[in-house]
């Protein structure tokens, strides 16, 4: 839930920091001048050869394989656009401390085609802008397949906020997720997410999920700004 009781984000002149309690201002930042998360030749990324590529500024994958930044990040704002193919199921991973064993060792902000019957009927924590398996978005705000979406992810320590298409739709404090089996609301955590989020380091690689389940996913304008 989006609550004033948690630290807020101030987005001003392209910068973002967590401050005291107040009303959230503008949502997506002006990130045009920020650092590119990925080089066009993907020289600063780790991925299986031949799977990921840029074409006319759009990044996509031919297989269900992840792409990871070589660099690790903490305290940052990530701003990007994505476009789903029909039935798409992808995600953005943050705080990944082990690329080889990323599933329990990262936090996934879910990307999904919520218009697809499969994902529309899935648990809310599996739908777009959820903290996958842990906390649903406050609403389904994703656009239909073929349309570009804007997502902003703000990470500072254990606190993560997610904006999708002009609205803040998720906010989580990982320190409350002390169990690997049950969420604080009593719902079940998928068994493959086998580490409590409260125990994960809040620094790591950023990752993108590829063509999962045969449905394509596209990214562009991936920009990052450090908060240190």
C-alpha atoms as a PDB file:
ATOM      1  CA  UNK A   1       0.000   0.000   0.000  1.00  0.00           C
ATOM      2  CA  UNK A   2       1.090   3.577  -0.570  1.00  0.00           C
ATOM      3  CA  UNK A   3       1.282   5.121   2.879  1.00  0.00           C
ATOM      4  CA  UNK A   4       2.587   8.452   4.139  1.00  0.00           C
ATOM      5  CA  UNK A   5       3.918   6.563   7.183  1.00  0.00           C
ATOM      6  CA  UNK A   6       6.798   5.179   5.111  1.00  0.00           C
ATOM      7  CA  UNK A   7       9.611   7.296   3.758  1.00  0.00           C
ATOM      8  CA  UNK A   8       8.557   9.224   0.684  1.00  0.00           C
ATOM      9  CA  UNK A   9      10.307   9.949  -2.573  1.00  0.00           C
ATOM     10  CA  UNK A  10      11.043  13.464  -3.652  1.00  0.00           C
ATOM     11  CA  UNK A  11      11.526  13.766  -7.393  1.00  0.00           C
ATOM     12  CA  UNK A  12      12.893  17.199  -8.192  1.00  0.00           C
ATOM     13  CA  UNK A  13      14.960  18.348 -11.155  1.00  0.00           C
ATOM     14  CA  UNK A  14      15.804  14.788 -12.057  1.00  0.00           C
ATOM     15  CA  UNK A  15      16.959  13.739  -8.559  1.00  0.00           C
ATOM     16  CA  UNK A  16      15.289  11.408  -6.098  1.00  0.00           C
ATOM     17  CA  UNK A  17      15.771  10.893  -2.381  1.00  0.00           C
ATOM     18  CA  UNK A  18      13.773   9.499   0.492  1.00  0.00           C
ATOM     19  CA  UNK A  19      12.592  12.189   2.877  1.00  0.00           C
ATOM     20  CA  UNK A  20      10.156  12.555   5.763  1.00  0.00           C
ATOM     21  CA  UNK A  21       6.420  12.090   5.731  1.00  0.00           C
ATOM     22  CA  UNK A  22       4.585  14.138   3.126  1.00  0.00           C
ATOM     23  CA  UNK A  23       2.446  13.809   0.031  1.00  0.00           C
ATOM     24  CA  UNK A  24       4.110  12.246  -3.000  1.00  0.00           C
ATOM     25  CA  UNK A  25       4.861  14.783  -5.745  1.00  0.00           C
ATOM     26  CA  UNK A  26       5.313  14.004  -9.447  1.00  0.00           C
ATOM     27  CA  UNK A  27       5.700  10.357 -10.333  1.00  0.00           C
ATOM     28  CA  UNK A  28       8.065   9.654 -13.232  1.00  0.00           C
ATOM     29  CA  UNK A  29      11.260  11.718 -13.275  1.00  0.00           C
ATOM     30  CA  UNK A  30      12.870  13.547 -16.156  1.00  0.00           C
ATOM     31  CA  UNK A  31      15.511  10.890 -16.752  1.00  0.00           C
ATOM     32  CA  UNK A  32      16.692  11.854 -20.237  1.00  0.00           C
ATOM     33  CA  UNK A  33      20.104  13.012 -19.015  1.00  0.00           C
ATOM     34  CA  UNK A  34      20.647  10.089 -16.654  1.00  0.00           C
ATOM     35  CA  UNK A  35      23.170   7.308 -17.150  1.00  0.00           C
ATOM     36  CA  UNK A  36      22.162   4.520 -19.525  1.00  0.00           C
ATOM     37  CA  UNK A  37      21.748   1.296 -17.598  1.00  0.00           C
ATOM     38  CA  UNK A  38      23.098  -0.693 -20.552  1.00  0.00           C
ATOM     39  CA  UNK A  39      25.522   0.035 -23.353  1.00  0.00           C
ATOM     40  CA  UNK A  40      24.099  -0.479 -26.848  1.00  0.00           C
ATOM     41  CA  UNK A  41      26.642  -3.232 -27.469  1.00  0.00           C
ATOM     42  CA  UNK A  42      25.741  -4.754 -24.055  1.00  0.00           C
ATOM     43  CA  UNK A  43      29.417  -4.709 -23.103  1.00  0.00           C
ATOM     44  CA  UNK A  44      28.468  -3.899 -19.492  1.00  0.00           C
ATOM     45  CA  UNK A  45      26.037  -6.823 -19.230  1.00  0.00           C
ATOM     46  CA  UNK A  46      26.176 -10.556 -18.529  1.00  0.00           C
ATOM     47  CA  UNK A  47      23.902 -12.712 -20.704  1.00  0.00           C
ATOM     48  CA  UNK A  48      23.999 -15.852 -22.863  1.00  0.00           C
ATOM     49  CA  UNK A  49      25.555 -15.064 -26.251  1.00  0.00           C
ATOM     50  CA  UNK A  50      23.077 -14.293 -29.009  1.00  0.00           C
ATOM     51  CA  UNK A  51      20.004 -14.033 -26.775  1.00  0.00           C
ATOM     52  CA  UNK A  52      19.700 -10.300 -26.051  1.00  0.00           C
ATOM     53  CA  UNK A  53      20.179  -7.431 -28.494  1.00  0.00           C
ATOM     54  CA  UNK A  54      19.303  -3.803 -29.167  1.00  0.00           C
ATOM     55  CA  UNK A  55      17.648  -2.858 -32.461  1.00  0.00           C
ATOM     56  CA  UNK A  56      16.684   0.756 -33.112  1.00  0.00           C
ATOM     57  CA  UNK A  57      17.009   1.446 -29.402  1.00  0.00           C
ATOM     58  CA  UNK A  58      14.740  -1.433 -28.357  1.00  0.00           C
ATOM     59  CA  UNK A  59      16.119  -4.306 -26.276  1.00  0.00           C
ATOM     60  CA  UNK A  60      14.617  -7.772 -26.556  1.00  0.00           C
ATOM     61  CA  UNK A  61      15.485 -11.441 -26.089  1.00  0.00           C
ATOM     62  CA  UNK A  62      15.010 -14.542 -28.220  1.00  0.00           C
ATOM     63  CA  UNK A  63      14.948 -16.976 -25.279  1.00  0.00           C
ATOM     64  CA  UNK A  64      13.913 -17.228 -21.643  1.00  0.00           C
ATOM     65  CA  UNK A  65      17.306 -16.145 -20.356  1.00  0.00           C
ATOM     66  CA  UNK A  66      18.075 -13.237 -18.065  1.00  0.00           C
ATOM     67  CA  UNK A  67      20.366 -10.310 -18.702  1.00  0.00           C
ATOM     68  CA  UNK A  68      22.338  -8.811 -15.782  1.00  0.00           C
ATOM     69  CA  UNK A  69      24.363  -5.690 -15.245  1.00  0.00           C
ATOM     70  CA  UNK A  70      28.009  -6.410 -14.547  1.00  0.00           C
ATOM     71  CA  UNK A  71      27.915  -3.649 -11.973  1.00  0.00           C
ATOM     72  CA  UNK A  72      26.135  -3.865  -8.643  1.00  0.00           C
ATOM     73  CA  UNK A  73      23.856  -1.052  -7.497  1.00  0.00           C
ATOM     74  CA  UNK A  74      22.418   0.190  -4.227  1.00  0.00           C
ATOM     75  CA  UNK A  75      20.291   3.260  -3.514  1.00  0.00           C
ATOM     76  CA  UNK A  76      19.114   4.161  -7.007  1.00  0.00           C
ATOM     77  CA  UNK A  77      16.219   5.116  -9.241  1.00  0.00           C
ATOM     78  CA  UNK A  78      15.645   2.996 -12.349  1.00  0.00           C
ATOM     79  CA  UNK A  79      13.409   4.452 -15.035  1.00  0.00           C
ATOM     80  CA  UNK A  80      12.399   2.444 -18.106  1.00  0.00           C
ATOM     81  CA  UNK A  81       9.750   1.621 -20.658  1.00  0.00           C
ATOM     82  CA  UNK A  82       8.540  -1.850 -21.570  1.00  0.00           C
ATOM     83  CA  UNK A  83       6.125  -3.371 -24.057  1.00  0.00           C
ATOM     84  CA  UNK A  84       4.477  -6.750 -23.601  1.00  0.00           C
ATOM     85  CA  UNK A  85       3.747  -9.298 -26.251  1.00  0.00           C
ATOM     86  CA  UNK A  86       0.452 -11.190 -25.758  1.00  0.00           C
ATOM     87  CA  UNK A  87       0.743 -13.309 -22.610  1.00  0.00           C
ATOM     88  CA  UNK A  88       4.100 -11.818 -21.633  1.00  0.00           C
ATOM     89  CA  UNK A  89       5.608 -12.631 -18.248  1.00  0.00           C
ATOM     90  CA  UNK A  90       8.852 -10.839 -17.486  1.00  0.00           C
ATOM     91  CA  UNK A  91      10.361  -8.829 -14.681  1.00  0.00           C
ATOM     92  CA  UNK A  92      13.014  -6.481 -13.381  1.00  0.00           C
ATOM     93  CA  UNK A  93      15.323  -7.903 -10.737  1.00  0.00           C
ATOM     94  CA  UNK A  94      17.077  -5.734  -8.171  1.00  0.00           C
ATOM     95  CA  UNK A  95      19.514  -6.493  -5.362  1.00  0.00           C
ATOM     96  CA  UNK A  96      20.712  -9.710  -7.024  1.00  0.00           C
ATOM     97  CA  UNK A  97      23.650 -11.038  -5.012  1.00  0.00           C
ATOM     98  CA  UNK A  98      24.114 -14.248  -7.040  1.00  0.00           C
ATOM     99  CA  UNK A  99      23.546 -14.336 -10.794  1.00  0.00           C
ATOM    100  CA  UNK A 100      23.976 -18.119 -10.826  1.00  0.00           C
ATOM    101  CA  UNK A 101      21.291 -18.564  -8.150  1.00  0.00           C
ATOM    102  CA  UNK A 102      19.230 -15.435  -8.693  1.00  0.00           C
ATOM    103  CA  UNK A 103      15.711 -16.658  -7.908  1.00  0.00           C
ATOM    104  CA  UNK A 104      16.014 -16.670  -4.094  1.00  0.00           C
ATOM    105  CA  UNK A 105      18.780 -14.053  -4.069  1.00  0.00           C
ATOM    106  CA  UNK A 106      17.030 -11.064  -5.618  1.00  0.00           C
ATOM    107  CA  UNK A 107      13.809  -9.063  -5.572  1.00  0.00           C
ATOM    108  CA  UNK A 108      11.631  -9.196  -8.692  1.00  0.00           C
ATOM    109  CA  UNK A 109       9.329  -6.406  -9.773  1.00  0.00           C
ATOM    110  CA  UNK A 110       6.909  -8.304 -11.967  1.00  0.00           C
ATOM    111  CA  UNK A 111       6.044  -7.438 -15.539  1.00  0.00           C
ATOM    112  CA  UNK A 112       3.071  -9.267 -17.013  1.00  0.00           C
ATOM    113  CA  UNK A 113       0.265  -9.016 -19.546  1.00  0.00           C
ATOM    114  CA  UNK A 114      -2.586  -8.757 -17.058  1.00  0.00           C
ATOM    115  CA  UNK A 115      -5.037  -8.851 -19.978  1.00  0.00           C
ATOM    116  CA  UNK A 116      -4.046 -12.447 -20.726  1.00  0.00           C
ATOM    117  CA  UNK A 117      -6.468 -14.957 -19.139  1.00  0.00           C
ATOM    118  CA  UNK A 118      -3.538 -16.842 -17.658  1.00  0.00           C
ATOM    119  CA  UNK A 119      -2.162 -13.845 -15.752  1.00  0.00           C
ATOM    120  CA  UNK A 120      -5.559 -12.248 -15.071  1.00  0.00           C
ATOM    121  CA  UNK A 121      -6.482 -15.401 -13.140  1.00  0.00           C
ATOM    122  CA  UNK A 122      -3.127 -15.733 -11.391  1.00  0.00           C
ATOM    123  CA  UNK A 123      -2.477 -14.566  -7.817  1.00  0.00           C
ATOM    124  CA  UNK A 124      -2.324 -10.790  -7.526  1.00  0.00           C
ATOM    125  CA  UNK A 125       1.302 -11.092  -6.391  1.00  0.00           C
ATOM    126  CA  UNK A 126       2.074 -12.563  -9.832  1.00  0.00           C
ATOM    127  CA  UNK A 127       0.572  -9.638 -11.771  1.00  0.00           C
ATOM    128  CA  UNK A 128       2.211  -6.549 -13.205  1.00  0.00           C
ATOM    129  CA  UNK A 129       4.098  -4.248 -10.787  1.00  0.00           C
ATOM    130  CA  UNK A 130       3.842  -6.751  -7.931  1.00  0.00           C
ATOM    131  CA  UNK A 131       6.853  -7.543  -5.825  1.00  0.00           C
ATOM    132  CA  UNK A 132       6.656 -11.062  -7.182  1.00  0.00           C
ATOM    133  CA  UNK A 133       5.293 -13.584  -4.722  1.00  0.00           C
ATOM    134  CA  UNK A 134       5.327 -11.083  -1.882  1.00  0.00           C
ATOM    135  CA  UNK A 135       3.126  -8.033  -2.415  1.00  0.00           C
ATOM    136  CA  UNK A 136       0.558  -7.167  -5.076  1.00  0.00           C
ATOM    137  CA  UNK A 137       0.315  -3.803  -6.748  1.00  0.00           C
ATOM    138  CA  UNK A 138      -2.535  -1.607  -5.544  1.00  0.00           C
ATOM    139  CA  UNK A 139      -4.085  -1.819  -9.010  1.00  0.00           C
ATOM    140  CA  UNK A 140      -3.495  -3.315 -12.442  1.00  0.00           C
ATOM    141  CA  UNK A 141      -2.210  -0.336 -14.382  1.00  0.00           C
ATOM    142  CA  UNK A 142      -0.454  -2.051 -17.272  1.00  0.00           C
ATOM    143  CA  UNK A 143      -1.418  -1.246 -20.855  1.00  0.00           C
ATOM    144  CA  UNK A 144      -2.552  -3.761 -23.445  1.00  0.00           C
ATOM    145  CA  UNK A 145       0.049  -5.783 -25.371  1.00  0.00           C
ATOM    146  CA  UNK A 146       1.783  -3.738 -28.042  1.00  0.00           C
ATOM    147  CA  UNK A 147       1.606  -0.472 -26.084  1.00  0.00           C
ATOM    148  CA  UNK A 148       4.573   1.054 -24.271  1.00  0.00           C
ATOM    149  CA  UNK A 149       4.474   1.291 -20.472  1.00  0.00           C
ATOM    150  CA  UNK A 150       6.560   3.528 -18.194  1.00  0.00           C
ATOM    151  CA  UNK A 151       7.934   2.083 -14.962  1.00  0.00           C
ATOM    152  CA  UNK A 152      10.003   3.805 -12.285  1.00  0.00           C
ATOM    153  CA  UNK A 153      11.582   1.784  -9.473  1.00  0.00           C
ATOM    154  CA  UNK A 154      13.106   3.548  -6.482  1.00  0.00           C
ATOM    155  CA  UNK A 155      15.357   1.457  -4.240  1.00  0.00           C
ATOM    156  CA  UNK A 156      16.850   2.775  -1.037  1.00  0.00           C
ATOM    157  CA  UNK A 157      17.958   0.175   1.458  1.00  0.00           C
ATOM    158  CA  UNK A 158      15.063  -2.194   2.236  1.00  0.00           C
ATOM    159  CA  UNK A 159      12.461   0.217   0.864  1.00  0.00           C
ATOM    160  CA  UNK A 160      11.305  -0.129  -2.726  1.00  0.00           C
ATOM    161  CA  UNK A 161       8.645   1.929  -4.526  1.00  0.00           C
ATOM    162  CA  UNK A 162       7.191   1.214  -7.945  1.00  0.00           C
ATOM    163  CA  UNK A 163       5.367   3.600 -10.271  1.00  0.00           C
ATOM    164  CA  UNK A 164       3.599   2.358 -13.382  1.00  0.00           C
ATOM    165  CA  UNK A 165       2.089   4.597 -16.046  1.00  0.00           C
ATOM    166  CA  UNK A 166       1.832   7.705 -13.917  1.00  0.00           C
ATOM    167  CA  UNK A 167       0.768   6.206 -10.589  1.00  0.00           C
ATOM    168  CA  UNK A 168       2.540   4.836  -7.531  1.00  0.00           C
ATOM    169  CA  UNK A 169       1.275   1.267  -7.327  1.00  0.00           C
ATOM    170  CA  UNK A 170       3.577  -0.526  -4.902  1.00  0.00           C
ATOM    171  CA  UNK A 171       5.647   0.190  -1.828  1.00  0.00           C
ATOM    172  CA  UNK A 172       7.430  -2.366   0.304  1.00  0.00           C
ATOM    173  CA  UNK A 173       9.719  -2.409   3.307  1.00  0.00           C
ATOM    174  CA  UNK A 174      11.615  -5.688   3.052  1.00  0.00           C
ATOM    175  CA  UNK A 175      12.417  -5.720   6.766  1.00  0.00           C
ATOM    176  CA  UNK A 176       8.852  -6.946   7.385  1.00  0.00           C
ATOM    177  CA  UNK A 177       9.381 -10.054   5.221  1.00  0.00           C
ATOM    178  CA  UNK A 178      11.114 -12.192   7.838  1.00  0.00           C
ATOM    179  CA  UNK A 179       9.677 -15.532   6.665  1.00  0.00           C
ATOM    180  CA  UNK A 180      10.403 -17.448   3.474  1.00  0.00           C
ATOM    181  CA  UNK A 181       7.038 -19.241   3.677  1.00  0.00           C
ATOM    182  CA  UNK A 182       4.463 -16.633   4.659  1.00  0.00           C
ATOM    183  CA  UNK A 183       3.975 -12.995   3.753  1.00  0.00           C
ATOM    184  CA  UNK A 184       3.093 -10.603   6.588  1.00  0.00           C
ATOM    185  CA  UNK A 185      -0.577 -10.828   5.538  1.00  0.00           C
ATOM    186  CA  UNK A 186      -0.504 -14.618   5.974  1.00  0.00           C
ATOM    187  CA  UNK A 187      -0.493 -15.529   2.277  1.00  0.00           C
ATOM    188  CA  UNK A 188       1.878 -18.178   0.970  1.00  0.00           C
ATOM    189  CA  UNK A 189       5.201 -17.335  -0.652  1.00  0.00           C
ATOM    190  CA  UNK A 190       6.120 -19.505  -3.670  1.00  0.00           C
ATOM    191  CA  UNK A 191       8.488 -22.202  -2.385  1.00  0.00           C
ATOM    192  CA  UNK A 192      11.234 -21.381  -4.873  1.00  0.00           C
ATOM    193  CA  UNK A 193      11.633 -17.963  -3.202  1.00  0.00           C
ATOM    194  CA  UNK A 194      13.388 -19.691  -0.369  1.00  0.00           C
ATOM    195  CA  UNK A 195      15.107 -16.811   1.449  1.00  0.00           C
ATOM    196  CA  UNK A 196      13.365 -14.199   3.593  1.00  0.00           C
ATOM    197  CA  UNK A 197      13.595 -10.856   1.849  1.00  0.00           C
ATOM    198  CA  UNK A 198      14.606  -9.237   5.140  1.00  0.00           C
ATOM    199  CA  UNK A 199      17.853 -11.213   4.983  1.00  0.00           C
ATOM    200  CA  UNK A 200      18.874 -10.182   1.463  1.00  0.00           C
ATOM    201  CA  UNK A 201      21.615  -7.596   0.914  1.00  0.00           C
ATOM    202  CA  UNK A 202      20.311  -4.306  -0.469  1.00  0.00           C
ATOM    203  CA  UNK A 203      23.012  -4.106  -3.107  1.00  0.00           C
ATOM    204  CA  UNK A 204      23.396  -6.215  -6.217  1.00  0.00           C
ATOM    205  CA  UNK A 205      23.039  -6.666  -9.947  1.00  0.00           C
ATOM    206  CA  UNK A 206      20.009  -5.428 -11.875  1.00  0.00           C
ATOM    207  CA  UNK A 207      18.439  -7.976 -14.197  1.00  0.00           C
ATOM    208  CA  UNK A 208      15.794  -8.321 -16.907  1.00  0.00           C
ATOM    209  CA  UNK A 209      13.849 -11.488 -17.644  1.00  0.00           C
ATOM    210  CA  UNK A 210      13.726 -12.635 -21.256  1.00  0.00           C
ATOM    211  CA  UNK A 211      11.173 -14.352 -23.492  1.00  0.00           C
ATOM    212  CA  UNK A 212       9.395 -16.378 -20.844  1.00  0.00           C
ATOM    213  CA  UNK A 213       6.724 -18.855 -21.932  1.00  0.00           C
ATOM    214  CA  UNK A 214       7.247 -17.959 -25.582  1.00  0.00           C
ATOM    215  CA  UNK A 215       5.862 -14.435 -25.187  1.00  0.00           C
ATOM    216  CA  UNK A 216       8.156 -11.558 -26.225  1.00  0.00           C
ATOM    217  CA  UNK A 217       9.074  -8.586 -24.050  1.00  0.00           C
ATOM    218  CA  UNK A 218      10.651  -5.312 -25.164  1.00  0.00           C
ATOM    219  CA  UNK A 219      12.534  -2.611 -23.233  1.00  0.00           C
ATOM    220  CA  UNK A 220      13.766   0.864 -24.095  1.00  0.00           C
ATOM    221  CA  UNK A 221      15.013   4.063 -22.429  1.00  0.00           C
ATOM    222  CA  UNK A 222      16.581   2.228 -19.478  1.00  0.00           C
ATOM    223  CA  UNK A 223      18.020   4.989 -17.292  1.00  0.00           C
ATOM    224  CA  UNK A 224      19.519   4.907 -13.810  1.00  0.00           C
ATOM    225  CA  UNK A 225      20.449   7.504 -11.210  1.00  0.00           C
ATOM    226  CA  UNK A 226      22.344   6.738  -8.022  1.00  0.00           C
ATOM    227  CA  UNK A 227      21.107   8.186  -4.754  1.00  0.00           C
ATOM    228  CA  UNK A 228      24.434   7.978  -2.883  1.00  0.00           C
END
